[in-house]
N, C-alpha and C. Protein backbone atom coordinates (compact mmCIF):
# COMPACT_ATOMS: atom_id res chain seq x y z
N MET A 1 0.81 -1.20 0.00
CA MET A 1 0.00 0.00 0.00
C MET A 1 0.86 1.27 0.00
N TYR A 2 1.87 1.30 0.86
CA TYR A 2 2.74 2.47 0.93
C TYR A 2 4.13 2.16 0.41
N ASP A 3 4.26 1.06 -0.32
CA ASP A 3 5.58 0.66 -0.78
C ASP A 3 6.09 1.55 -1.90
N VAL A 4 7.41 1.57 -2.00
CA VAL A 4 8.09 2.27 -3.09
C VAL A 4 8.17 1.32 -4.29
N THR A 5 8.42 1.88 -5.46
CA THR A 5 8.57 1.09 -6.68
C THR A 5 9.98 1.27 -7.21
N LYS A 6 10.69 0.16 -7.36
CA LYS A 6 12.06 0.23 -7.87
C LYS A 6 12.03 0.59 -9.36
N LEU A 7 12.75 1.65 -9.70
CA LEU A 7 12.84 2.10 -11.09
C LEU A 7 14.11 1.59 -11.76
N SER A 8 15.20 1.53 -11.00
CA SER A 8 16.46 1.04 -11.53
C SER A 8 17.33 0.56 -10.38
N ASP A 9 18.28 -0.34 -10.71
CA ASP A 9 19.19 -0.88 -9.71
C ASP A 9 20.41 -1.41 -10.46
N THR A 10 21.53 -0.71 -10.36
CA THR A 10 22.75 -1.12 -11.06
C THR A 10 23.92 -1.16 -10.09
N LYS A 11 24.94 -1.90 -10.48
CA LYS A 11 26.16 -1.94 -9.68
C LYS A 11 27.35 -1.85 -10.63
N GLU A 12 28.23 -0.89 -10.32
CA GLU A 12 29.41 -0.68 -11.15
C GLU A 12 30.55 -0.23 -10.26
N GLY A 13 31.68 -0.91 -10.37
CA GLY A 13 32.85 -0.54 -9.58
C GLY A 13 32.61 -0.59 -8.08
N GLY A 14 31.77 -1.50 -7.64
CA GLY A 14 31.49 -1.65 -6.21
C GLY A 14 30.45 -0.69 -5.66
N ILE A 15 29.92 0.17 -6.52
CA ILE A 15 28.91 1.14 -6.08
C ILE A 15 27.56 0.74 -6.65
N ARG A 16 26.60 0.58 -5.75
CA ARG A 16 25.24 0.25 -6.16
C ARG A 16 24.43 1.54 -6.23
N ARG A 17 23.75 1.73 -7.36
CA ARG A 17 22.90 2.90 -7.56
C ARG A 17 21.49 2.42 -7.84
N ALA A 18 20.55 2.92 -7.06
CA ALA A 18 19.16 2.51 -7.24
C ALA A 18 18.26 3.74 -7.15
N SER A 19 17.17 3.69 -7.90
CA SER A 19 16.17 4.75 -7.88
C SER A 19 14.81 4.14 -7.60
N PHE A 20 14.01 4.85 -6.80
CA PHE A 20 12.69 4.38 -6.40
C PHE A 20 11.68 5.49 -6.55
N ALA A 21 10.50 5.15 -7.06
CA ALA A 21 9.37 6.06 -7.04
C ALA A 21 8.68 5.88 -5.70
N THR A 22 8.36 6.98 -5.04
CA THR A 22 7.68 6.90 -3.75
C THR A 22 6.17 6.74 -3.97
N CYS A 23 5.47 6.36 -2.91
CA CYS A 23 4.02 6.23 -3.02
C CYS A 23 3.39 7.63 -3.06
N ASP A 24 2.13 7.69 -3.42
CA ASP A 24 1.47 8.99 -3.60
C ASP A 24 1.02 9.64 -2.29
N ARG A 25 1.38 9.06 -1.15
CA ARG A 25 0.99 9.61 0.15
C ARG A 25 2.03 10.61 0.69
N VAL A 26 3.17 10.73 0.01
CA VAL A 26 4.23 11.63 0.48
C VAL A 26 4.50 12.72 -0.55
N CYS A 27 5.18 13.77 -0.12
CA CYS A 27 5.48 14.91 -1.00
C CYS A 27 6.58 14.62 -2.01
N SER A 28 7.56 13.81 -1.62
CA SER A 28 8.64 13.49 -2.56
C SER A 28 8.13 12.53 -3.63
N LYS A 29 8.77 12.54 -4.77
CA LYS A 29 8.35 11.71 -5.91
C LYS A 29 9.32 10.57 -6.19
N GLN A 30 10.60 10.77 -5.84
CA GLN A 30 11.62 9.77 -6.17
C GLN A 30 12.76 9.87 -5.17
N ILE A 31 13.41 8.72 -4.94
CA ILE A 31 14.60 8.68 -4.09
C ILE A 31 15.70 7.96 -4.87
N ASP A 32 16.86 8.59 -4.99
CA ASP A 32 18.03 8.00 -5.63
C ASP A 32 19.05 7.71 -4.54
N ILE A 33 19.61 6.50 -4.56
CA ILE A 33 20.48 6.04 -3.49
C ILE A 33 21.76 5.47 -4.07
N GLU A 34 22.91 5.77 -3.44
CA GLU A 34 24.19 5.15 -3.77
C GLU A 34 24.72 4.47 -2.51
N ILE A 35 25.11 3.21 -2.67
CA ILE A 35 25.62 2.41 -1.55
C ILE A 35 26.93 1.76 -1.96
N GLU A 36 27.89 1.74 -1.05
CA GLU A 36 29.15 1.04 -1.26
C GLU A 36 29.50 0.28 0.02
N ASP A 37 29.71 -1.03 -0.11
CA ASP A 37 30.05 -1.88 1.04
C ASP A 37 29.06 -1.71 2.19
N ASP A 38 27.76 -1.69 1.87
CA ASP A 38 26.68 -1.58 2.85
C ASP A 38 26.66 -0.24 3.59
N ILE A 39 27.37 0.74 3.07
CA ILE A 39 27.38 2.09 3.63
C ILE A 39 26.74 3.04 2.62
N ILE A 40 25.84 3.88 3.10
CA ILE A 40 25.18 4.84 2.22
C ILE A 40 26.14 5.97 1.88
N ARG A 41 26.37 6.14 0.59
CA ARG A 41 27.26 7.21 0.11
C ARG A 41 26.48 8.48 -0.20
N ARG A 42 25.29 8.31 -0.78
CA ARG A 42 24.53 9.48 -1.23
C ARG A 42 23.06 9.13 -1.33
N ILE A 43 22.23 10.10 -0.97
CA ILE A 43 20.78 9.99 -1.13
C ILE A 43 20.30 11.31 -1.70
N GLN A 44 19.41 11.22 -2.68
CA GLN A 44 18.83 12.44 -3.23
C GLN A 44 17.33 12.22 -3.43
N TYR A 45 16.54 13.11 -2.86
CA TYR A 45 15.09 13.09 -3.05
C TYR A 45 14.73 14.03 -4.18
N THR A 46 13.72 13.68 -4.94
CA THR A 46 13.15 14.57 -5.94
C THR A 46 11.84 15.08 -5.38
N GLU A 47 11.73 16.38 -5.31
CA GLU A 47 10.60 17.10 -4.71
C GLU A 47 10.53 16.82 -3.21
N GLY A 48 9.41 17.10 -2.60
CA GLY A 48 9.29 16.96 -1.15
C GLY A 48 9.68 18.24 -0.44
N CYS A 49 9.64 18.21 0.87
CA CYS A 49 10.05 19.36 1.70
C CYS A 49 11.56 19.45 1.63
N HIS A 50 12.05 20.36 0.83
CA HIS A 50 13.46 20.41 0.47
C HIS A 50 14.41 20.38 1.67
N GLY A 51 14.15 21.19 2.65
CA GLY A 51 15.03 21.23 3.82
C GLY A 51 15.02 19.91 4.58
N ASN A 52 13.84 19.34 4.76
CA ASN A 52 13.73 18.08 5.50
C ASN A 52 14.38 16.92 4.74
N THR A 53 14.08 16.79 3.47
CA THR A 53 14.65 15.67 2.72
C THR A 53 16.16 15.82 2.58
N GLN A 54 16.63 17.04 2.42
CA GLN A 54 18.07 17.28 2.35
C GLN A 54 18.73 16.93 3.68
N GLY A 55 18.08 17.27 4.78
CA GLY A 55 18.59 16.95 6.11
C GLY A 55 18.64 15.46 6.35
N VAL A 56 17.57 14.75 6.01
CA VAL A 56 17.54 13.30 6.17
C VAL A 56 18.65 12.67 5.35
N ALA A 57 18.79 13.11 4.10
CA ALA A 57 19.81 12.56 3.22
C ALA A 57 21.21 12.73 3.80
N ARG A 58 21.53 13.92 4.26
CA ARG A 58 22.87 14.17 4.80
C ARG A 58 23.13 13.41 6.09
N LEU A 59 22.11 13.31 6.94
CA LEU A 59 22.29 12.57 8.19
C LEU A 59 22.54 11.08 7.95
N CYS A 60 21.98 10.55 6.87
CA CYS A 60 22.12 9.12 6.57
C CYS A 60 23.42 8.78 5.86
N GLU A 61 24.04 9.74 5.21
CA GLU A 61 25.28 9.47 4.50
C GLU A 61 26.35 9.00 5.47
N GLY A 62 27.02 7.92 5.12
CA GLY A 62 28.06 7.35 5.96
C GLY A 62 27.55 6.30 6.94
N MET A 63 26.24 6.12 6.99
CA MET A 63 25.65 5.13 7.89
C MET A 63 25.46 3.79 7.21
N LYS A 64 25.41 2.73 8.00
CA LYS A 64 25.09 1.40 7.48
C LYS A 64 23.62 1.35 7.11
N VAL A 65 23.33 0.61 6.06
CA VAL A 65 21.96 0.48 5.58
C VAL A 65 21.03 0.02 6.70
N ALA A 66 21.39 -1.01 7.45
CA ALA A 66 20.54 -1.55 8.51
C ALA A 66 20.26 -0.51 9.60
N ASP A 67 21.23 0.34 9.89
CA ASP A 67 21.04 1.37 10.90
C ASP A 67 20.03 2.43 10.44
N VAL A 68 20.10 2.78 9.17
CA VAL A 68 19.15 3.77 8.63
C VAL A 68 17.74 3.20 8.65
N ILE A 69 17.59 1.95 8.25
CA ILE A 69 16.28 1.31 8.27
C ILE A 69 15.73 1.32 9.70
N ALA A 70 16.54 0.93 10.66
CA ALA A 70 16.10 0.87 12.05
C ALA A 70 15.65 2.24 12.58
N ARG A 71 16.31 3.30 12.15
CA ARG A 71 15.98 4.64 12.65
C ARG A 71 14.77 5.26 11.95
N LEU A 72 14.57 4.96 10.68
CA LEU A 72 13.56 5.68 9.90
C LEU A 72 12.27 4.91 9.65
N GLU A 73 12.32 3.60 9.73
CA GLU A 73 11.15 2.78 9.42
C GLU A 73 9.99 3.11 10.36
N GLY A 74 8.83 3.33 9.78
CA GLY A 74 7.63 3.56 10.58
C GLY A 74 7.35 5.01 10.92
N ILE A 75 8.22 5.94 10.54
CA ILE A 75 7.95 7.35 10.82
C ILE A 75 6.74 7.78 9.98
N ASP A 76 5.80 8.44 10.64
CA ASP A 76 4.56 8.85 9.99
C ASP A 76 4.54 10.37 9.82
N CYS A 77 3.96 10.82 8.73
CA CYS A 77 3.81 12.26 8.47
C CYS A 77 2.32 12.61 8.41
N LYS A 78 1.86 13.33 9.39
CA LYS A 78 0.49 13.85 9.41
C LYS A 78 -0.58 12.77 9.25
N GLY A 79 -0.37 11.60 9.83
CA GLY A 79 -1.36 10.52 9.78
C GLY A 79 -1.50 9.86 8.43
N ARG A 80 -0.49 9.98 7.59
CA ARG A 80 -0.55 9.41 6.23
C ARG A 80 -0.19 7.93 6.19
N GLY A 81 0.37 7.42 7.29
CA GLY A 81 0.78 6.02 7.31
C GLY A 81 2.20 5.79 6.82
N THR A 82 2.84 6.83 6.36
CA THR A 82 4.22 6.77 5.88
C THR A 82 4.78 8.19 5.87
N SER A 83 6.00 8.34 5.42
CA SER A 83 6.66 9.65 5.34
C SER A 83 7.82 9.53 4.38
N CYS A 84 8.47 10.63 4.07
CA CYS A 84 9.65 10.57 3.21
C CYS A 84 10.77 9.74 3.85
N PRO A 85 11.04 9.87 5.17
CA PRO A 85 12.04 9.00 5.78
C PRO A 85 11.62 7.52 5.75
N ASP A 86 10.35 7.25 6.01
CA ASP A 86 9.85 5.86 5.95
C ASP A 86 9.98 5.30 4.54
N GLN A 87 9.73 6.12 3.54
CA GLN A 87 9.88 5.67 2.15
C GLN A 87 11.33 5.28 1.86
N LEU A 88 12.27 6.03 2.42
CA LEU A 88 13.68 5.68 2.28
C LEU A 88 13.95 4.32 2.92
N ALA A 89 13.44 4.09 4.11
CA ALA A 89 13.64 2.80 4.78
C ALA A 89 13.03 1.68 3.95
N ARG A 90 11.88 1.89 3.38
CA ARG A 90 11.24 0.87 2.53
C ARG A 90 12.09 0.59 1.28
N ALA A 91 12.66 1.63 0.71
CA ALA A 91 13.53 1.44 -0.46
C ALA A 91 14.76 0.64 -0.08
N LEU A 92 15.38 0.98 1.03
CA LEU A 92 16.58 0.27 1.48
C LEU A 92 16.27 -1.20 1.77
N ARG A 93 15.10 -1.49 2.30
CA ARG A 93 14.70 -2.88 2.56
C ARG A 93 14.66 -3.69 1.26
N GLN A 94 14.27 -3.06 0.18
CA GLN A 94 14.19 -3.76 -1.11
C GLN A 94 15.58 -4.09 -1.66
N LEU A 95 16.58 -3.37 -1.19
CA LEU A 95 17.93 -3.62 -1.67
C LEU A 95 18.57 -4.73 -0.87
């Protein structure tokens, strides 16, 4: 119901790059993720609350994937059942 949709998933030179479309319950439309050795290198949201998504992205850079999932999974925005951080956790679970 609130799941993300994987748009692409590639691996080159040890870096995994994946893009996900978010569900229609959140302000952001897409999340692009780069991971190397289970560590998040980069996250970029398309649309959404710019300051918040930029803050979430920067805070997660350098963290282990499992740690980000544990911290962000289940965060709700205004009773929507999900949020931009929760959508990131859902995307990371698919990887």
